[in-house]
């Protein structure tokens, strides 16, 4: 089944007084464009995380944010009273020496000074890293589910637009039959206008007319366009079909353009314009498919 490259997933779990959170956002891209933000203490595991993400998501612009926060801040973050006391004594001493009036709110000044918060250095073991990996996998599964759901919506729209092109192709036939007679009459009139006597070799005229009509024949283009449309519909059930569908859409466009250039009939040209409009919408949607 086809998948969209647009997706979103978030997963969280608590382990050893730590809250692990993984958020993933994906958009369309020709290749895998991966950005991973995570705590410095987990940098040693970044390559493993990247490999997991790449294997699961394959392609697209992917932004991953991994955060680890403490669930009990009172046990991990402390204000160093000795450092605060030292700052206070220095501020008071300098104020006395320079005859500066003491601040009304000394506390607000002290708590902005660097180094007063004692933040412990984290060392995450293998068990904790595995928990982060589990959370990452849960978020990836959510993204994949989102992509599948979006892919089914895209598939429905694509099949509908291909059906519209096929219906438009059927509308060409009535005008195709009548245009041969119109072309013959126009050529006959022009030939009669160009000859002084109004006489010409009818056998040679028929030969030239057949040659001209064969050059304007669009049967082959119609057959190939119909085949490409059917192939497109079949490929919509394949995995990672985005690039393949893009190639098929290009071939569909080639046949539609040739059909339009050979049509030589105003009503067929109008139908071709409608086909091109639907095909452009197909190409836009295909860009979002994995």
Protein backbone atom coordinates (compact mmCIF):
# COMPACT_ATOMS: atom_id res chain seq x y z
CA UNK A 1 0.00 0.00 0.00
CA UNK A 2 1.11 3.54 -0.63
CA UNK A 3 2.13 5.84 2.20
CA UNK A 4 2.18 9.59 2.43
CA UNK A 5 5.43 11.25 3.44
CA UNK A 6 3.46 13.55 5.75
CA UNK A 7 3.20 12.18 9.27
CA UNK A 8 3.26 12.96 12.96
CA UNK A 9 3.89 10.90 16.06
CA UNK A 10 4.62 11.47 19.74
CA UNK A 11 5.35 8.96 22.48
CA UNK A 12 6.22 9.30 26.16
CA UNK A 13 7.11 7.06 29.07
CA UNK A 14 8.51 7.46 32.58
CA UNK A 15 11.46 5.41 33.76
CA UNK A 16 13.72 5.83 36.79
CA UNK A 17 12.29 9.26 37.70
CA UNK A 18 12.86 10.44 34.12
CA UNK A 19 10.22 11.39 31.59
CA UNK A 20 11.25 10.34 28.07
CA UNK A 21 9.49 12.11 25.20
CA UNK A 22 9.93 11.61 21.45
CA UNK A 23 8.18 13.83 18.89
CA UNK A 24 8.47 13.20 15.12
CA UNK A 25 7.25 15.35 12.24
CA UNK A 26 7.66 14.36 8.58
CA UNK A 27 7.10 16.13 5.25
CA UNK A 28 7.81 15.24 1.64
CA UNK A 29 11.35 15.24 0.26
CA UNK A 30 13.16 13.48 -2.60
CA UNK A 31 15.60 11.85 -0.16
CA UNK A 32 15.82 11.21 3.57
CA UNK A 33 16.50 14.60 5.17
CA UNK A 34 16.85 13.76 8.86
CA UNK A 35 17.31 16.19 11.75
CA UNK A 36 17.64 14.77 15.28
CA UNK A 37 17.69 16.87 18.45
CA UNK A 38 18.52 15.06 21.69
CA UNK A 39 20.31 15.67 25.02
CA UNK A 40 24.10 15.77 24.90
CA UNK A 41 24.20 12.83 27.31
CA UNK A 42 22.59 10.66 24.59
CA UNK A 43 24.85 11.71 21.72
CA UNK A 44 26.71 8.40 21.86
CA UNK A 45 23.49 6.60 20.84
CA UNK A 46 22.55 9.02 18.03
CA UNK A 47 23.81 6.78 15.21
CA UNK A 48 21.65 3.89 16.41
CA UNK A 49 18.61 6.19 16.63
CA UNK A 50 19.26 7.51 13.12
CA UNK A 51 19.49 3.98 11.73
CA UNK A 52 16.15 3.07 13.32
CA UNK A 53 14.49 6.16 11.92
CA UNK A 54 15.91 5.69 8.42
CA UNK A 55 14.92 2.02 8.27
CA UNK A 56 11.34 2.80 9.29
CA UNK A 57 10.60 6.04 7.43
CA UNK A 58 12.81 5.57 4.33
CA UNK A 59 12.28 9.00 2.77
CA UNK A 60 11.07 12.51 3.57
CA UNK A 61 12.06 15.53 5.62
CA UNK A 62 12.08 14.17 9.16
CA UNK A 63 12.44 16.22 12.35
CA UNK A 64 12.92 14.23 15.57
CA UNK A 65 13.08 15.77 19.04
CA UNK A 66 14.08 13.54 21.99
CA UNK A 67 13.83 15.09 25.44
CA UNK A 68 14.54 13.72 28.92
CA UNK A 69 13.23 15.59 31.96
CA UNK A 70 13.21 14.82 35.69
CA UNK A 71 9.92 13.97 37.33
CA UNK A 72 11.21 14.99 40.81
CA UNK A 73 13.07 18.28 40.49
CA UNK A 74 13.58 18.59 44.26
CA UNK A 75 15.98 15.66 44.23
CA UNK A 76 18.12 16.80 41.31
CA UNK A 77 18.41 20.58 41.22
CA UNK A 78 19.91 22.47 44.19
CA UNK A 79 20.90 26.06 44.91
CA UNK A 80 24.46 26.28 46.23
CA UNK A 81 24.05 28.44 49.37
CA UNK A 82 27.79 29.00 49.76
CA UNK A 83 28.05 30.53 46.27
CA UNK A 84 25.02 32.75 46.91
CA UNK A 85 26.56 33.88 50.21
CA UNK A 86 29.86 34.72 48.50
CA UNK A 87 28.07 36.78 45.82
CA UNK A 88 26.13 38.66 48.52
CA UNK A 89 29.28 39.52 50.51
CA UNK A 90 31.08 40.77 47.37
CA UNK A 91 28.13 42.93 46.28
CA UNK A 92 27.84 44.48 49.76
CA UNK A 93 31.60 45.09 49.95
CA UNK A 94 31.74 46.80 46.55
CA UNK A 95 28.63 48.87 47.37
CA UNK A 96 30.31 50.11 50.59
CA UNK A 97 33.61 50.91 48.85
CA UNK A 98 31.94 52.83 46.00
CA UNK A 99 29.21 54.38 48.13
CA UNK A 100 26.47 52.67 46.13
CA UNK A 101 23.10 52.40 47.81
CA UNK A 102 22.14 48.78 48.56
CA UNK A 103 19.63 47.20 46.19
CA UNK A 104 16.02 47.01 47.31
CA UNK A 105 15.67 43.45 46.01
CA UNK A 106 18.99 41.71 46.62
CA UNK A 107 17.49 38.26 46.01
CA UNK A 108 16.52 38.99 42.38
CA UNK A 109 20.13 40.04 41.70
CA UNK A 110 21.66 37.03 43.39
CA UNK A 111 19.45 34.47 41.65
CA UNK A 112 20.54 35.80 38.27
CA UNK A 113 24.20 35.21 39.00
CA UNK A 114 25.90 32.29 37.19
CA UNK A 115 26.86 29.07 38.93
CA UNK A 116 24.40 29.15 41.84
CA UNK A 117 22.36 26.16 40.56
CA UNK A 118 23.93 22.78 41.13
CA UNK A 119 22.89 20.61 38.15
CA UNK A 120 24.12 17.02 38.36
CA UNK A 121 25.78 15.44 35.31
CA UNK A 122 23.67 12.62 33.95
CA UNK A 123 25.18 9.30 32.95
CA UNK A 124 22.63 7.13 31.15
CA UNK A 125 23.26 3.40 31.19
CA UNK A 126 22.32 0.83 28.53
CA UNK A 127 19.00 0.04 30.19
CA UNK A 128 17.93 3.67 30.03
CA UNK A 129 19.09 4.04 26.43
CA UNK A 130 16.98 0.99 25.54
CA UNK A 131 13.98 2.72 27.09
CA UNK A 132 14.63 5.75 24.92
CA UNK A 133 14.81 3.41 21.92
CA UNK A 134 11.47 1.85 22.88
CA UNK A 135 9.87 5.29 23.05
CA UNK A 136 11.38 6.17 19.69
CA UNK A 137 9.94 2.98 18.15
CA UNK A 138 6.50 3.81 19.53
CA UNK A 139 6.63 7.27 17.96
CA UNK A 140 7.83 5.77 14.66
CA UNK A 141 4.92 3.31 14.66
CA UNK A 142 2.53 6.21 15.20
CA UNK A 143 4.09 8.13 12.30
CA UNK A 144 3.84 5.05 10.08
CA UNK A 145 0.16 4.64 10.95
CA UNK A 146 -0.41 8.31 10.18
CA UNK A 147 1.35 7.91 6.83
CA UNK A 148 -0.73 4.87 5.92
CA UNK A 149 -3.95 6.71 6.70
CA UNK A 150 -2.87 9.73 4.66
CA UNK A 151 -1.72 7.39 1.88
CA UNK A 152 -5.18 5.86 1.56
CA UNK A 153 -6.67 9.34 1.22
CA UNK A 154 -4.12 10.17 -1.48
CA UNK A 155 -4.80 6.89 -3.28
CA UNK A 156 -8.52 7.58 -3.40
CA UNK A 157 -7.91 11.02 -4.88
CA UNK A 158 -5.36 9.74 -7.42
CA UNK A 159 -7.62 6.94 -8.67
CA UNK A 160 -10.46 9.43 -9.02
CA UNK A 161 -8.36 11.77 -11.15
CA UNK A 162 -7.06 8.94 -13.34
CA UNK A 163 -10.67 7.90 -13.90
CA UNK A 164 -11.46 11.48 -14.93
CA UNK A 165 -8.67 11.36 -17.52
CA UNK A 166 -9.99 8.07 -18.90
CA UNK A 167 -13.50 9.54 -19.10
CA UNK A 168 -12.15 12.56 -20.95
CA UNK A 169 -10.32 10.23 -23.32
CA UNK A 170 -13.63 8.59 -24.20
CA UNK A 171 -15.04 12.01 -25.06
CA UNK A 172 -12.38 12.43 -27.76
CA UNK A 173 -13.79 9.69 -30.01
CA UNK A 174 -16.87 11.52 -31.43
CA UNK A 175 -14.76 14.49 -32.47
CA UNK A 176 -12.03 12.21 -33.83
CA UNK A 177 -14.45 10.58 -36.29
CA UNK A 178 -15.86 13.85 -37.58
CA UNK A 179 -12.54 15.67 -37.93
CA UNK A 180 -11.35 13.46 -40.80
CA UNK A 181 -14.22 14.65 -42.98
CA UNK A 182 -13.67 18.25 -41.88
CA UNK A 183 -9.97 18.04 -42.76
CA UNK A 184 -10.77 16.49 -46.15
CA UNK A 185 -13.27 19.24 -46.96
CA UNK A 186 -10.88 21.97 -45.90
CA UNK A 187 -8.03 20.59 -47.99
CA UNK A 188 -10.33 20.14 -51.00
CA UNK A 189 -11.53 23.72 -50.76
CA UNK A 190 -8.02 25.10 -50.39
CA UNK A 191 -6.83 23.05 -53.33
CA UNK A 192 -9.71 24.24 -55.49
CA UNK A 193 -8.97 27.85 -54.56
CA UNK A 194 -5.32 27.45 -55.52
CA UNK A 195 -5.97 25.88 -58.95
CA UNK A 196 -7.10 28.07 -61.82
CA UNK A 197 -9.13 25.37 -63.50
CA UNK A 198 -10.42 23.72 -60.33
CA UNK A 199 -9.14 20.36 -61.67
CA UNK A 200 -6.54 18.12 -59.97
CA UNK A 201 -5.41 14.50 -59.88
CA UNK A 202 -7.88 12.84 -57.54
CA UNK A 203 -5.74 9.71 -57.07
CA UNK A 204 -2.75 11.76 -56.01
CA UNK A 205 -5.03 13.83 -53.83
CA UNK A 206 -6.34 10.71 -52.07
CA UNK A 207 -2.80 9.47 -51.51
CA UNK A 208 -1.69 12.76 -50.00
CA UNK A 209 -4.84 12.94 -47.88
CA UNK A 210 -4.26 9.44 -46.48
CA UNK A 211 -0.66 10.33 -45.67
CA UNK A 212 -1.78 13.54 -43.96
CA UNK A 213 -4.51 11.81 -41.93
CA UNK A 214 -2.08 9.09 -40.84
CA UNK A 215 0.26 11.73 -39.46
CA UNK A 216 -2.65 13.19 -37.51
CA UNK A 217 -3.92 9.81 -36.30
CA UNK A 218 -4.10 9.67 -32.48
CA UNK A 219 -5.08 6.02 -32.05
CA UNK A 220 -1.63 5.03 -30.78
CA UNK A 221 -1.54 7.87 -28.27
CA UNK A 222 -4.98 6.91 -26.97
CA UNK A 223 -3.97 3.26 -26.54
CA UNK A 224 -0.74 4.13 -24.73
CA UNK A 225 -2.44 6.70 -22.49
CA UNK A 226 -5.05 4.14 -21.48
CA UNK A 227 -2.29 1.60 -20.75
CA UNK A 228 -0.36 4.12 -18.64
CA UNK A 229 -3.52 4.95 -16.66
CA UNK A 230 -4.17 1.26 -15.96
CA UNK A 231 -0.53 0.74 -14.94
CA UNK A 232 -0.77 3.75 -12.63
CA UNK A 233 -3.84 2.27 -10.91
CA UNK A 234 -2.10 -1.10 -10.45
CA UNK A 235 1.02 0.54 -8.99
CA UNK A 236 -1.03 2.33 -6.33
CA UNK A 237 -1.16 -0.96 -4.38
CA UNK A 238 2.64 -1.28 -4.20
CA UNK A 239 4.90 -0.24 -1.31
CA UNK A 240 7.15 2.79 -1.78
CA UNK A 241 5.57 3.52 -5.17
CA UNK A 242 6.06 7.30 -5.10
CA UNK A 243 8.92 7.54 -7.59
CA UNK A 244 7.39 4.88 -9.84
CA UNK A 245 4.06 6.72 -9.93
CA UNK A 246 5.97 9.89 -10.78
CA UNK A 247 7.59 8.19 -13.79
CA UNK A 248 4.23 6.84 -14.99
CA UNK A 249 2.67 10.29 -14.64
CA UNK A 250 5.44 11.68 -16.85
CA UNK A 251 4.61 9.11 -19.53
CA UNK A 252 0.92 9.98 -19.25
CA UNK A 253 1.82 13.62 -19.79
CA UNK A 254 3.89 12.76 -22.86
CA UNK A 255 0.94 10.99 -24.50
CA UNK A 256 -1.49 13.77 -23.60
CA UNK A 257 0.84 16.40 -25.07
CA UNK A 258 1.27 14.42 -28.30
CA UNK A 259 -2.47 13.87 -28.52
CA UNK A 260 -3.01 17.60 -28.22
CA UNK A 261 -0.39 18.51 -30.83
CA UNK A 262 -1.84 16.04 -33.36
CA UNK A 263 -5.51 16.68 -32.66
CA UNK A 264 -5.99 19.65 -35.00
CA UNK A 265 -9.52 20.04 -33.65
CA UNK A 266 -10.75 22.67 -31.22
CA UNK A 267 -13.01 20.42 -29.14
CA UNK A 268 -10.28 17.82 -28.69
CA UNK A 269 -7.89 20.59 -27.66
CA UNK A 270 -10.32 21.64 -24.94
CA UNK A 271 -10.50 18.05 -23.68
CA UNK A 272 -6.69 17.85 -23.68
CA UNK A 273 -6.49 20.98 -21.52
CA UNK A 274 -8.81 19.33 -19.00
CA UNK A 275 -6.62 16.21 -19.04
CA UNK A 276 -3.52 18.32 -18.36
CA UNK A 277 -5.26 20.00 -15.45
CA UNK A 278 -6.06 16.65 -13.83
CA UNK A 279 -2.56 15.35 -14.52
CA UNK A 280 -0.96 18.36 -12.80
CA UNK A 281 -3.04 17.63 -9.71
CA UNK A 282 -1.88 14.00 -9.88
CA UNK A 283 1.77 15.07 -10.07
CA UNK A 284 1.35 17.35 -7.05
CA UNK A 285 -0.12 14.51 -5.00
CA UNK A 286 2.51 11.99 -6.15
CA UNK A 287 5.22 14.26 -4.69
CA UNK A 288 3.79 13.47 -1.23
CA UNK A 289 3.92 9.68 -1.67
CA UNK A 290 6.71 7.58 -0.20
